[in-house]
Amino acid sequence: MEVLLNNIRQCSICEKHLPLGPRPIASGHPDSKIVIIGQAPGTKVHASGIPWDDASGKQLRKWLNVSDDDFYDERKFAIIPMGFCYPGKGKSGDLPPRIECAPQWHQPLFDHMKQVELVILIGMYAQKYYLKDLAKRTLTETVANYKDYLPQYFTLPHPSPRNRFWLAKNPWFETEVLPELKKRVTHLV
């Protein structure tokens, strides 16, 4: 596993498309119980090299009801984004994750993690990649129907502060989905 993670951290397959250059960010351990698959690191995470080391990460840890120590314990959580490097800025936020990463690295990572009991799919890119035709028409529908994907997958919106309007429009997420997420995570951590 360490060799694989070192190979990932040296990856430069999409270097010419990355405005800040490659800095692949991923973590995992053969004993990881939960895998978090998000979009791609933002500029703050690119600078620090620590996954989810930003406002979105604070919100995610709150949703999961875990401490920083638990969240960054690779025996508990593996963190594998769809795109491992910061993809650049778009018109309304960051660009989509680079498409090269997931097909290149996800399966080899999962091949080393035989103890995984839950995969948390954050955002549309992760959900479409893993759920394929089972994903609903919209992210909201996919998250609302999270029970359809259990026990293997748990679907979430992105915890970005930019999603505060989505959260306000969908109060069922906080009252119905988050309690179930916290229960499952607490059981595994």
Protein backbone atom coordinates (compact mmCIF):
# COMPACT_ATOMS: atom_id res chain seq x y z
CA MET A 1 0.00 0.00 0.00
CA GLU A 2 2.81 2.44 0.82
CA VAL A 3 4.41 1.80 -2.57
CA LEU A 4 1.09 2.48 -4.29
CA LEU A 5 0.53 5.71 -2.34
CA ASN A 6 4.07 6.83 -3.15
CA ASN A 7 3.41 6.12 -6.84
CA ILE A 8 0.21 8.17 -6.65
CA ARG A 9 2.05 11.05 -5.00
CA GLN A 10 4.56 11.02 -7.87
CA CYS A 11 1.85 10.94 -10.56
CA SER A 12 2.00 13.59 -13.26
CA ILE A 13 -0.23 12.12 -16.00
CA CYS A 14 -2.30 15.30 -16.33
CA GLU A 15 0.40 17.80 -15.35
CA LYS A 16 -0.07 19.94 -18.46
CA HIS A 17 -3.70 20.63 -17.39
CA LEU A 18 -2.95 21.67 -13.80
CA PRO A 19 -2.45 25.41 -13.21
CA LEU A 20 -0.65 24.83 -9.89
CA GLY A 21 1.17 21.71 -11.02
CA PRO A 22 0.67 18.19 -9.72
CA ARG A 23 0.32 17.52 -6.01
CA PRO A 24 -1.74 14.33 -5.73
CA ILE A 25 -3.49 14.05 -2.39
CA ALA A 26 -4.87 10.72 -1.19
CA SER A 27 -4.62 8.56 1.90
CA GLY A 28 -5.47 5.03 2.90
CA HIS A 29 -4.40 1.95 4.82
CA PRO A 30 -5.06 -1.78 4.37
CA ASP A 31 -7.26 -1.57 7.50
CA SER A 32 -9.35 1.46 6.38
CA LYS A 33 -13.01 0.89 7.22
CA ILE A 34 -14.55 3.92 5.49
CA VAL A 35 -13.55 5.44 2.16
CA ILE A 36 -14.42 9.04 1.41
CA ILE A 37 -14.57 9.85 -2.29
CA GLY A 38 -14.97 13.55 -2.98
CA GLN A 39 -14.23 15.77 -5.95
CA ALA A 40 -10.71 17.21 -5.95
CA PRO A 41 -8.54 19.27 -3.61
CA GLY A 42 -9.05 23.02 -3.55
CA THR A 43 -6.25 25.58 -3.37
CA LYS A 44 -5.98 25.45 0.43
CA VAL A 45 -5.64 21.66 0.42
CA HIS A 46 -3.19 21.87 -2.48
CA ALA A 47 -1.07 24.24 -0.39
CA SER A 48 -1.20 22.21 2.83
CA GLY A 49 -1.15 18.71 1.33
CA ILE A 50 -3.75 17.65 3.94
CA PRO A 51 -7.03 16.31 2.53
CA TRP A 52 -10.18 18.18 3.53
CA ASP A 53 -8.07 20.81 5.36
CA ASP A 54 -10.56 23.60 4.70
CA ALA A 55 -14.06 24.82 5.55
CA SER A 56 -15.61 21.94 3.59
CA GLY A 57 -13.58 19.47 5.63
CA LYS A 58 -14.70 21.02 8.91
CA GLN A 59 -18.31 20.71 7.79
CA LEU A 60 -17.76 17.12 6.63
CA ARG A 61 -16.28 16.12 9.98
CA LYS A 62 -19.30 17.70 11.67
CA TRP A 63 -21.64 15.71 9.42
CA LEU A 64 -19.72 12.50 10.22
CA ASN A 65 -19.58 13.42 13.94
CA VAL A 66 -15.87 12.60 14.14
CA SER A 67 -12.84 14.36 15.58
CA ASP A 68 -9.90 15.47 13.47
CA ASP A 69 -7.87 12.64 15.05
CA ASP A 70 -10.39 10.01 13.96
CA PHE A 71 -10.87 11.55 10.52
CA TYR A 72 -7.15 11.54 9.76
CA ASP A 73 -6.59 8.04 11.17
CA GLU A 74 -5.99 6.10 7.95
CA ARG A 75 -7.01 2.85 9.66
CA LYS A 76 -10.48 4.39 9.99
CA PHE A 77 -10.80 6.63 6.92
CA ALA A 78 -9.23 6.44 3.48
CA ILE A 79 -9.54 9.63 1.46
CA ILE A 80 -9.59 9.14 -2.29
CA PRO A 81 -10.82 12.05 -4.41
CA MET A 82 -12.07 11.66 -7.97
CA GLY A 83 -9.26 13.99 -9.04
CA PHE A 84 -6.14 13.90 -6.87
CA CYS A 85 -4.83 17.38 -7.77
CA TYR A 86 -6.31 20.87 -7.80
CA PRO A 87 -7.93 21.15 -11.27
CA GLY A 88 -8.03 24.93 -11.58
CA LYS A 89 -10.63 27.66 -11.33
CA GLY A 90 -13.82 27.69 -13.40
CA LYS A 91 -16.55 30.28 -13.91
CA SER A 92 -18.45 29.28 -10.77
CA GLY A 93 -15.94 27.56 -8.51
CA ASP A 94 -13.27 25.00 -9.22
CA LEU A 95 -13.14 23.04 -12.45
CA PRO A 96 -14.37 19.44 -12.43
CA PRO A 97 -11.92 16.79 -11.22
CA ARG A 98 -9.49 15.54 -13.84
CA ILE A 99 -10.83 12.39 -15.50
CA GLU A 100 -7.50 10.53 -15.49
CA CYS A 101 -7.23 9.83 -11.75
CA ALA A 102 -10.13 7.55 -10.87
CA PRO A 103 -9.61 5.01 -13.68
CA GLN A 104 -5.85 4.99 -13.04
CA TRP A 105 -5.76 4.73 -9.24
CA HIS A 106 -9.07 3.88 -7.55
CA GLN A 107 -9.20 0.14 -8.20
CA PRO A 108 -5.57 -0.46 -7.18
CA LEU A 109 -6.30 1.40 -3.92
CA PHE A 110 -9.44 -0.66 -3.26
CA ASP A 111 -7.47 -3.83 -4.05
CA HIS A 112 -5.26 -3.01 -1.05
CA MET A 113 -8.12 -2.15 1.31
CA LYS A 114 -9.99 -5.36 2.13
CA GLN A 115 -11.61 -4.07 5.35
CA VAL A 116 -13.75 -1.34 3.76
CA GLU A 117 -17.33 -1.44 5.00
CA LEU A 118 -18.65 1.90 3.74
CA VAL A 119 -17.85 4.18 0.79
CA ILE A 120 -19.09 7.75 1.14
CA LEU A 121 -19.71 9.33 -2.26
CA ILE A 122 -19.58 13.11 -2.02
CA GLY A 123 -20.99 15.06 -4.93
CA MET A 124 -22.19 14.29 -8.41
CA TYR A 125 -18.85 13.23 -9.92
CA ALA A 126 -18.24 10.45 -7.39
CA GLN A 127 -21.87 9.36 -7.46
CA LYS A 128 -22.06 9.10 -11.25
CA TYR A 129 -18.73 7.27 -11.45
CA TYR A 130 -19.59 4.65 -8.83
CA LEU A 131 -23.36 4.34 -9.10
CA LYS A 132 -23.41 4.58 -12.90
CA ASP A 133 -27.01 4.05 -14.14
CA LEU A 134 -28.27 3.69 -10.56
CA ALA A 135 -27.59 7.37 -9.86
CA LYS A 136 -30.76 9.41 -10.08
CA ARG A 137 -31.30 12.29 -12.47
CA THR A 138 -30.03 14.93 -10.01
CA LEU A 139 -27.71 15.01 -7.02
CA THR A 140 -30.68 15.95 -4.83
CA GLU A 141 -32.59 12.85 -5.92
CA THR A 142 -29.54 10.64 -5.43
CA VAL A 143 -28.94 11.96 -1.92
CA ALA A 144 -32.65 11.76 -1.03
CA ASN A 145 -32.60 8.09 -2.08
CA TYR A 146 -29.38 7.28 -0.19
CA LYS A 147 -30.97 4.12 1.28
CA ASP A 148 -31.05 2.60 -2.23
CA TYR A 149 -27.23 2.42 -2.19
CA LEU A 150 -26.71 1.05 1.31
CA PRO A 151 -24.92 -0.80 2.79
CA GLN A 152 -22.04 -0.28 0.35
CA TYR A 153 -22.42 3.41 -0.53
CA PHE A 154 -23.65 6.50 1.29
CA THR A 155 -24.43 9.51 -0.93
CA LEU A 156 -23.86 13.10 0.22
CA PRO A 157 -23.83 16.58 -1.30
CA HIS A 158 -20.58 18.48 -1.14
CA PRO A 159 -20.13 20.07 2.32
CA SER A 160 -18.86 23.32 0.80
CA PRO A 161 -20.09 26.58 2.34
CA ARG A 162 -21.28 27.36 -1.21
CA ASN A 163 -23.95 24.68 -0.75
CA ARG A 164 -25.72 26.53 2.07
CA PHE A 165 -28.64 27.32 -0.29
CA TRP A 166 -29.01 23.63 -1.19
CA LEU A 167 -29.00 22.75 2.51
CA ALA A 168 -31.61 25.42 3.26
CA LYS A 169 -33.85 24.16 0.42
CA ASN A 170 -33.53 20.53 1.56
CA PRO A 171 -34.06 20.44 5.35
CA TRP A 172 -34.73 16.67 5.16
CA PHE A 173 -30.99 16.20 4.65
CA GLU A 174 -30.21 17.37 8.17
CA THR A 175 -33.16 15.66 9.85
CA GLU A 176 -33.21 12.34 7.97
CA VAL A 177 -29.89 11.69 6.24
CA LEU A 178 -27.30 13.01 8.70
CA PRO A 179 -28.56 11.00 11.70
CA GLU A 180 -28.26 7.79 9.64
CA LEU A 181 -24.79 8.79 8.43
CA LYS A 182 -23.60 9.52 11.98
CA LYS A 183 -24.99 6.21 13.22
CA ARG A 184 -23.20 4.20 10.53
CA VAL A 185 -19.91 6.06 10.95
CA THR A 186 -19.99 5.76 14.76
CA HIS A 187 -20.54 2.01 14.41
CA LEU A 188 -17.44 1.66 12.20
CA VAL A 189 -15.10 4.13 13.91
